Protein backbone atom coordinates (compact mmCIF):
# COMPACT_ATOMS: atom_id res chain seq x y z
CA MET A 1 0.00 0.00 0.00
CA ALA A 2 2.83 2.37 0.87
CA SER A 3 4.45 1.81 -2.50
CA GLN A 4 1.09 2.39 -4.23
CA ALA A 5 0.63 5.64 -2.36
CA HIS A 6 4.17 6.65 -3.30
CA GLU A 7 3.46 5.89 -6.95
CA ALA A 8 0.19 7.81 -6.79
CA HIS A 9 1.88 10.94 -5.51
CA SER A 10 5.01 10.60 -7.61
CA PRO A 11 3.53 12.18 -10.79
CA ASP A 12 2.33 15.15 -8.73
CA ARG A 13 5.79 15.66 -7.32
CA GLN A 14 7.27 15.37 -10.80
CA THR A 15 4.76 17.89 -12.14
CA GLY A 16 5.60 20.24 -9.29
CA ALA A 17 9.30 19.89 -9.95
CA MET A 18 8.81 20.59 -13.64
CA ALA A 19 6.74 23.68 -12.79
CA VAL A 20 9.52 24.99 -10.57
CA LEU A 21 12.12 24.34 -13.27
CA ALA A 22 9.94 26.09 -15.84
CA LYS A 23 9.98 29.25 -13.71
CA ILE A 24 13.78 29.32 -13.55
CA ASN A 25 15.39 31.54 -16.17
CA PRO A 26 17.16 29.22 -18.67
CA LEU A 27 20.26 31.44 -18.42
CA VAL A 28 20.88 30.02 -14.94
CA PHE A 29 21.61 26.67 -16.57
CA VAL A 30 23.62 28.35 -19.32
CA LEU A 31 25.81 30.04 -16.71
CA LEU A 32 26.31 26.77 -14.85
CA ALA A 33 27.32 25.09 -18.11
CA LEU A 34 29.75 27.93 -18.89
CA TYR A 35 31.41 27.62 -15.49
CA ILE A 36 31.74 23.86 -15.82
CA LEU A 37 33.21 24.27 -19.32
CA MET A 38 35.72 26.86 -18.15
CA LEU A 39 36.70 24.64 -15.24
CA LEU A 40 37.98 22.21 -17.85
CA MET A 41 39.57 24.82 -20.12
CA SER A 42 41.28 27.42 -17.93
CA ASP A 43 42.78 27.57 -14.44
CA ARG A 44 42.78 31.38 -14.45
CA PHE A 45 39.03 31.71 -14.98
CA PHE A 46 38.14 30.84 -11.39
CA SER A 47 40.69 33.11 -9.75
CA PHE A 48 39.22 35.79 -7.47
CA PHE A 49 40.92 38.49 -9.53
CA ASN A 50 39.30 37.26 -12.74
CA GLN A 51 35.84 36.93 -11.21
CA MET A 52 36.05 40.50 -9.91
CA ASN A 53 37.27 41.61 -13.32
CA ILE A 54 34.17 40.07 -14.92
CA LEU A 55 31.97 42.03 -12.50
CA ARG A 56 33.90 45.23 -13.16
CA GLN A 57 33.64 44.86 -16.94
CA ALA A 58 29.94 43.96 -16.89
CA SER A 59 28.90 46.71 -14.47
CA VAL A 60 28.70 49.61 -16.94
CA PHE A 61 26.65 47.51 -19.36
CA LEU A 62 24.32 46.39 -16.57
CA ILE A 63 23.58 49.92 -15.36
CA ILE A 64 22.54 50.98 -18.87
CA ALA A 65 20.68 47.70 -19.42
CA VAL A 66 18.44 48.39 -16.42
CA GLY A 67 17.07 51.42 -18.26
CA GLN A 68 16.92 49.54 -21.56
CA THR A 69 14.75 46.89 -19.89
CA PHE A 70 12.10 49.54 -19.27
CA VAL A 71 12.42 50.90 -22.81
CA ILE A 72 12.11 47.51 -24.49
CA GLY A 73 9.43 46.42 -22.02
CA SER A 74 7.35 49.38 -23.25
CA ARG A 75 7.81 48.16 -26.83
CA GLY A 76 10.47 50.75 -27.61
CA ILE A 77 14.19 50.60 -28.20
CA ASP A 78 17.12 52.95 -27.65
CA LEU A 79 20.05 52.63 -30.03
CA SER A 80 21.59 55.89 -28.82
CA VAL A 81 22.83 54.63 -25.43
CA GLY A 82 26.44 54.08 -26.56
CA SER A 83 26.74 57.53 -28.11
CA ALA A 84 25.00 59.04 -25.09
CA VAL A 85 27.61 57.47 -22.80
CA GLY A 86 30.31 59.11 -24.90
CA ALA A 87 28.60 62.51 -24.95
CA VAL A 88 27.74 62.58 -21.25
CA GLY A 89 31.12 61.14 -20.22
CA CYS A 90 33.03 63.74 -22.23
CA PHE A 91 30.76 66.50 -20.93
CA MET A 92 31.35 65.59 -17.28
CA ALA A 93 35.09 65.05 -17.75
CA SER A 94 35.44 68.39 -19.57
CA LEU A 95 33.55 70.26 -16.84
CA ILE A 96 35.82 68.76 -14.18
CA ALA A 97 38.91 69.64 -16.24
CA TRP A 98 37.65 73.24 -16.43
CA GLY A 99 37.47 73.40 -12.64
CA VAL A 100 33.78 72.76 -12.04
CA PRO A 101 33.28 71.03 -8.64
CA VAL A 102 32.88 67.27 -9.03
CA PRO A 103 29.38 66.96 -7.45
CA PHE A 104 28.04 69.78 -9.66
CA ALA A 105 29.63 68.29 -12.78
CA LEU A 106 28.08 64.90 -12.05
CA LEU A 107 24.68 66.47 -11.43
CA LEU A 108 24.87 68.31 -14.74
CA GLY A 109 25.82 65.02 -16.39
CA VAL A 110 22.71 63.34 -14.98
CA LEU A 111 20.58 66.24 -16.21
CA MET A 112 22.18 65.95 -19.65
CA GLY A 113 21.44 62.22 -19.76
CA ALA A 114 17.84 62.83 -18.76
CA GLY A 115 17.64 65.59 -21.38
CA ILE A 116 18.84 63.24 -24.13
CA GLY A 117 16.21 60.75 -23.05
CA MET A 118 13.54 63.45 -23.02
CA ILE A 119 14.42 64.46 -26.58
CA ASN A 120 14.20 60.83 -27.70
CA GLY A 121 10.82 60.54 -26.00
CA LEU A 122 9.49 63.76 -27.51
CA VAL A 123 10.60 62.81 -31.03
CA ILE A 124 8.91 59.42 -30.65
CA THR A 125 5.67 60.66 -29.09
CA LYS A 126 5.13 64.12 -30.58
CA LEU A 127 6.71 63.71 -34.01
CA LYS A 128 5.50 60.08 -34.24
CA VAL A 129 8.91 58.83 -35.40
CA ASN A 130 9.53 55.10 -34.98
CA PRO A 131 11.77 54.47 -31.90
CA LEU A 132 14.29 52.60 -34.05
CA ILE A 133 14.72 55.54 -36.43
CA ALA A 134 14.51 58.23 -33.73
CA THR A 135 17.23 56.70 -31.56
CA LEU A 136 19.33 55.73 -34.58
CA GLY A 137 19.34 59.38 -35.59
CA MET A 138 20.24 60.39 -32.04
CA MET A 139 23.05 57.83 -32.00
CA VAL A 140 24.65 59.26 -35.13
CA SER A 141 24.07 62.89 -34.13
CA LEU A 142 25.48 62.53 -30.62
CA ARG A 143 28.59 60.71 -31.81
CA GLY A 144 29.25 63.33 -34.48
CA ALA A 145 28.62 66.24 -32.08
CA THR A 146 30.93 64.73 -29.46
CA HIS A 147 33.78 64.33 -31.93
CA TYR A 148 33.22 67.85 -33.27
CA LEU A 149 33.05 69.59 -29.89
CA MET A 150 35.91 67.59 -28.39
CA SER A 151 38.04 68.05 -31.55
CA ASP A 152 39.03 64.40 -31.01
CA GLN A 153 40.85 65.41 -27.82
CA VAL A 154 41.08 63.17 -24.75
CA VAL A 155 40.49 64.33 -21.17
CA THR A 156 42.70 62.55 -18.62
CA ARG A 157 43.84 62.70 -15.00
CA LEU A 158 40.47 63.00 -13.31
CA PRO A 159 40.15 63.60 -9.55
CA ASP A 160 40.43 60.74 -7.08
CA ALA A 161 36.72 60.96 -6.27
CA ILE A 162 35.84 60.13 -9.88
CA GLN A 163 38.48 57.41 -10.10
CA TYR A 164 37.04 55.80 -6.99
CA LEU A 165 33.69 55.31 -8.73
CA GLY A 166 35.37 53.19 -11.39
CA GLN A 167 38.39 51.75 -9.59
CA GLY A 168 37.47 51.67 -5.89
CA VAL A 169 37.01 48.48 -3.90
CA ILE A 170 34.84 47.81 -0.83
CA PHE A 171 35.51 44.56 1.06
CA GLY A 172 37.16 43.16 -2.05
CA VAL A 173 34.20 43.96 -4.32
CA PRO A 174 34.74 46.53 -7.11
CA MET A 175 32.84 49.77 -6.65
CA PRO A 176 31.36 49.54 -10.18
CA ALA A 177 29.80 46.18 -9.28
CA LEU A 178 28.22 47.65 -6.15
CA ILE A 179 26.82 50.59 -8.12
CA ALA A 180 25.46 48.19 -10.76
CA ALA A 181 23.88 46.02 -8.04
CA ALA A 182 22.22 49.10 -6.54
CA ALA A 183 20.94 50.11 -9.99
CA ALA A 184 19.52 46.62 -10.54
CA LEU A 185 17.77 46.64 -7.15
CA VAL A 186 16.25 50.06 -7.81
CA GLY A 187 15.21 48.90 -11.28
CA TYR A 188 13.62 45.75 -9.82
CA TRP A 189 11.67 47.78 -7.28
CA LEU A 190 10.48 50.25 -9.91
CA PHE A 191 9.62 47.49 -12.35
CA PHE A 192 7.51 45.32 -10.07
CA HIS A 193 6.42 47.49 -7.14
CA THR A 194 5.49 50.89 -8.59
CA ARG A 195 2.98 52.29 -11.06
CA PHE A 196 5.91 53.36 -13.23
CA GLY A 197 6.85 49.71 -13.79
CA ARG A 198 3.27 48.49 -14.15
CA TYR A 199 2.42 51.19 -16.66
CA THR A 200 5.61 50.41 -18.59
CA LEU A 201 4.58 46.80 -19.14
CA ALA A 202 0.96 47.80 -19.76
CA ILE A 203 2.04 50.18 -22.54
CA GLY A 204 4.17 47.41 -24.02
CA SER A 205 1.19 45.04 -23.97
CA ASN A 206 -1.51 47.38 -25.28
CA GLU A 207 -0.92 51.13 -25.25
CA ASN A 208 -4.38 51.86 -26.68
CA ALA A 209 -6.02 50.20 -23.68
CA VAL A 210 -3.74 52.14 -21.33
CA GLY A 211 -4.80 55.41 -22.96
CA LEU A 212 -8.49 54.52 -22.59
CA VAL A 213 -8.20 54.29 -18.77
CA GLY A 214 -6.87 57.83 -18.53
CA ILE A 215 -3.11 57.26 -18.42
CA SER A 216 -1.00 59.59 -20.57
CA VAL A 217 0.92 57.17 -22.77
CA ASP A 218 3.07 59.94 -24.27
CA ARG A 219 4.11 61.26 -20.87
CA MET A 220 4.95 57.75 -19.66
CA LYS A 221 7.09 57.06 -22.73
CA ILE A 222 8.99 60.31 -22.23
CA GLN A 223 9.61 59.40 -18.58
CA ILE A 224 10.82 55.93 -19.59
CA TYR A 225 13.38 57.38 -22.01
CA MET A 226 14.44 59.93 -19.40
CA PHE A 227 15.03 57.10 -16.93
CA GLN A 228 17.17 55.40 -19.56
CA GLY A 229 19.13 58.66 -19.89
CA VAL A 230 19.76 58.80 -16.13
CA CYS A 231 21.06 55.20 -16.21
CA VAL A 232 23.36 56.19 -19.08
CA ALA A 233 24.73 59.12 -17.06
CA ILE A 234 25.45 56.94 -14.02
CA ALA A 235 27.21 54.41 -16.25
CA ALA A 236 29.25 57.22 -17.82
CA MET A 237 30.42 58.32 -14.34
CA VAL A 238 31.63 54.80 -13.60
CA LEU A 239 33.27 54.42 -17.00
CA ILE A 240 35.29 57.66 -16.95
CA GLY A 241 36.35 56.81 -13.42
CA ARG A 242 37.51 53.37 -14.47
CA LEU A 243 39.42 54.73 -17.46
CA ASN A 244 40.57 57.87 -15.63
CA GLY A 245 39.58 59.87 -18.68
CA ALA A 246 37.13 60.38 -21.51
CA SER A 247 37.35 60.38 -25.30
CA PRO A 248 34.80 60.88 -28.11
CA ASP A 249 34.82 57.12 -28.76
CA LEU A 250 33.61 56.33 -25.25
CA GLY A 251 30.74 53.85 -25.33
CA LEU A 252 31.29 52.88 -28.97
CA ASN A 253 29.11 49.88 -30.00
CA TYR A 254 27.67 49.50 -26.49
CA GLU A 255 24.11 49.38 -27.84
CA LEU A 256 24.53 45.88 -29.35
CA HIS A 257 25.96 44.49 -26.11
CA ILE A 258 23.18 46.01 -23.99
CA ILE A 259 20.23 45.12 -26.22
CA ALA A 260 21.57 41.57 -26.59
CA GLY A 261 21.85 41.20 -22.81
CA VAL A 262 18.34 42.54 -22.18
CA VAL A 263 16.70 40.38 -24.85
CA LEU A 264 18.76 37.34 -23.89
CA GLY A 265 17.48 37.81 -20.33
CA GLY A 266 13.89 37.45 -21.45
CA THR A 267 12.63 41.00 -22.00
CA ALA A 268 10.55 40.75 -25.15
CA LEU A 269 11.14 43.01 -28.13
CA TYR A 270 7.38 42.98 -28.75
CA GLY A 271 6.87 44.60 -25.32
CA GLY A 272 4.79 43.75 -22.27
CA VAL A 273 7.26 41.21 -20.88
CA GLY A 274 10.37 42.10 -18.92
CA SER A 275 12.71 40.90 -16.20
CA ILE A 276 15.38 42.82 -14.32
CA LEU A 277 16.83 39.57 -12.96
CA GLY A 278 16.87 38.24 -16.51
CA THR A 279 18.73 41.35 -17.63
CA VAL A 280 21.34 40.77 -14.91
CA LEU A 281 21.75 37.17 -16.06
CA GLY A 282 21.88 38.19 -19.72
CA ILE A 283 24.59 40.81 -19.19
CA MET A 284 26.60 38.44 -16.97
CA THR A 285 26.31 35.64 -19.54
CA ILE A 286 27.75 37.85 -22.26
CA GLY A 287 30.44 39.13 -19.87
CA ILE A 288 31.49 35.61 -18.94
CA VAL A 289 31.52 34.49 -22.57
CA GLU A 290 33.71 37.45 -23.55
CA ASN A 291 36.04 36.84 -20.62
CA ALA A 292 36.31 33.16 -21.48
CA MET A 293 37.14 33.94 -25.10
CA VAL A 294 39.91 36.29 -23.98
CA LEU A 295 41.36 33.60 -21.72
CA ILE A 296 41.38 31.03 -24.52
CA ARG A 297 42.84 33.70 -26.83
CA ALA A 298 39.99 33.72 -29.31
CA ASP A 299 39.99 36.49 -31.89
CA PHE A 300 38.26 39.69 -30.70
CA HIS A 301 36.02 39.82 -33.76
CA LEU A 302 34.67 36.38 -32.92
CA GLN A 303 33.24 37.91 -29.73
CA ARG A 304 31.14 40.27 -31.87
CA VAL A 305 30.02 37.33 -34.01
CA LEU A 306 28.96 35.41 -30.90
CA ILE A 307 27.04 38.31 -29.37
CA GLY A 308 25.20 38.88 -32.65
CA ALA A 309 24.35 35.19 -32.84
CA LEU A 310 23.08 35.19 -29.23
CA LEU A 311 20.81 38.15 -30.02
CA ILE A 312 19.36 36.40 -33.08
CA LEU A 313 18.80 33.17 -31.13
CA ALA A 314 17.14 35.04 -28.25
CA VAL A 315 14.69 36.78 -30.58
CA ALA A 316 14.03 33.53 -32.47
CA TYR A 317 13.26 31.81 -29.16
CA GLN A 318 10.87 34.62 -28.16
CA ASN A 319 9.06 34.31 -31.50
CA TYR A 320 8.84 30.54 -31.07
CA ARG A 321 7.25 30.92 -27.63
CA ARG A 322 4.77 33.47 -28.98
CA ARG A 323 3.72 31.09 -31.77
CA LYS A 324 3.42 28.23 -29.29
CA GLN A 325 1.18 30.35 -27.06
CA GLY A 326 -0.89 31.43 -30.05
CA ILE A 327 -0.01 35.13 -29.66
CA SER A 328 -0.22 37.13 -32.87
CA GLU A 329 2.05 40.04 -33.75
């Protein structure tokens, strides 16, 4: 009888276990597989120094990706984040070089980032320009303006306070990683425990329905892009501190890395679905892959190939799940 009872309950336990596994982000298993693979391929990968280096390298991307999660979750996209990092980073570094007090320079940098986001939002909502085109235009314009205004000059030797943001360590953990963790926690709280996050996903699911209940969709979209701009500014602070300088090429090609990490983490390009934890896992997966390829001395250009392939596979997987669930475009 005991064995019969065990057999009777066994399928339920199996179903429960499968349900739990289904809720776990698949990237958790990908990360475990990567660590096991690197255990066999490189002794240096597991060193404390290398693990902290992975966190340090991924931190800037993660801070920006938190904002991008909101943008993509609202069914938008921001291709200008890399150029915005360069523009804001050079702006803050130049102000400091001219003698502007560090706190004031950083505050102005945050305002500039929010301003760039506001312009993106206004172009998208008021001029009705597709987010892809609007932010592509901003990407090109910002990069060109930064090179022109900087005259291709480099700002170096920033104050210790700025360097600490990018190079400091607290209890063995890099300061950039702590700032990125704080950004992710704030993003998680906003995403799942505030109206800002709920409205973001609602707009991504059905913005017409959101407008019918009295919510200003245009205002929300502008605020979402402004939040992305603030994340960009914080990332720029960390980056110029880590490099102890700024150049017009700062943030070059960051947009591919960030969008790939966000989409890989499960935030859907069709909007309405997003995950801050998934974004963290997506950015870390790409960071670990890049670090592993450096350790095995793979060609740098192969890293770009791999990131592009991961982005395509992530979108293909999202489309497959939509078809399986019977969701139309």
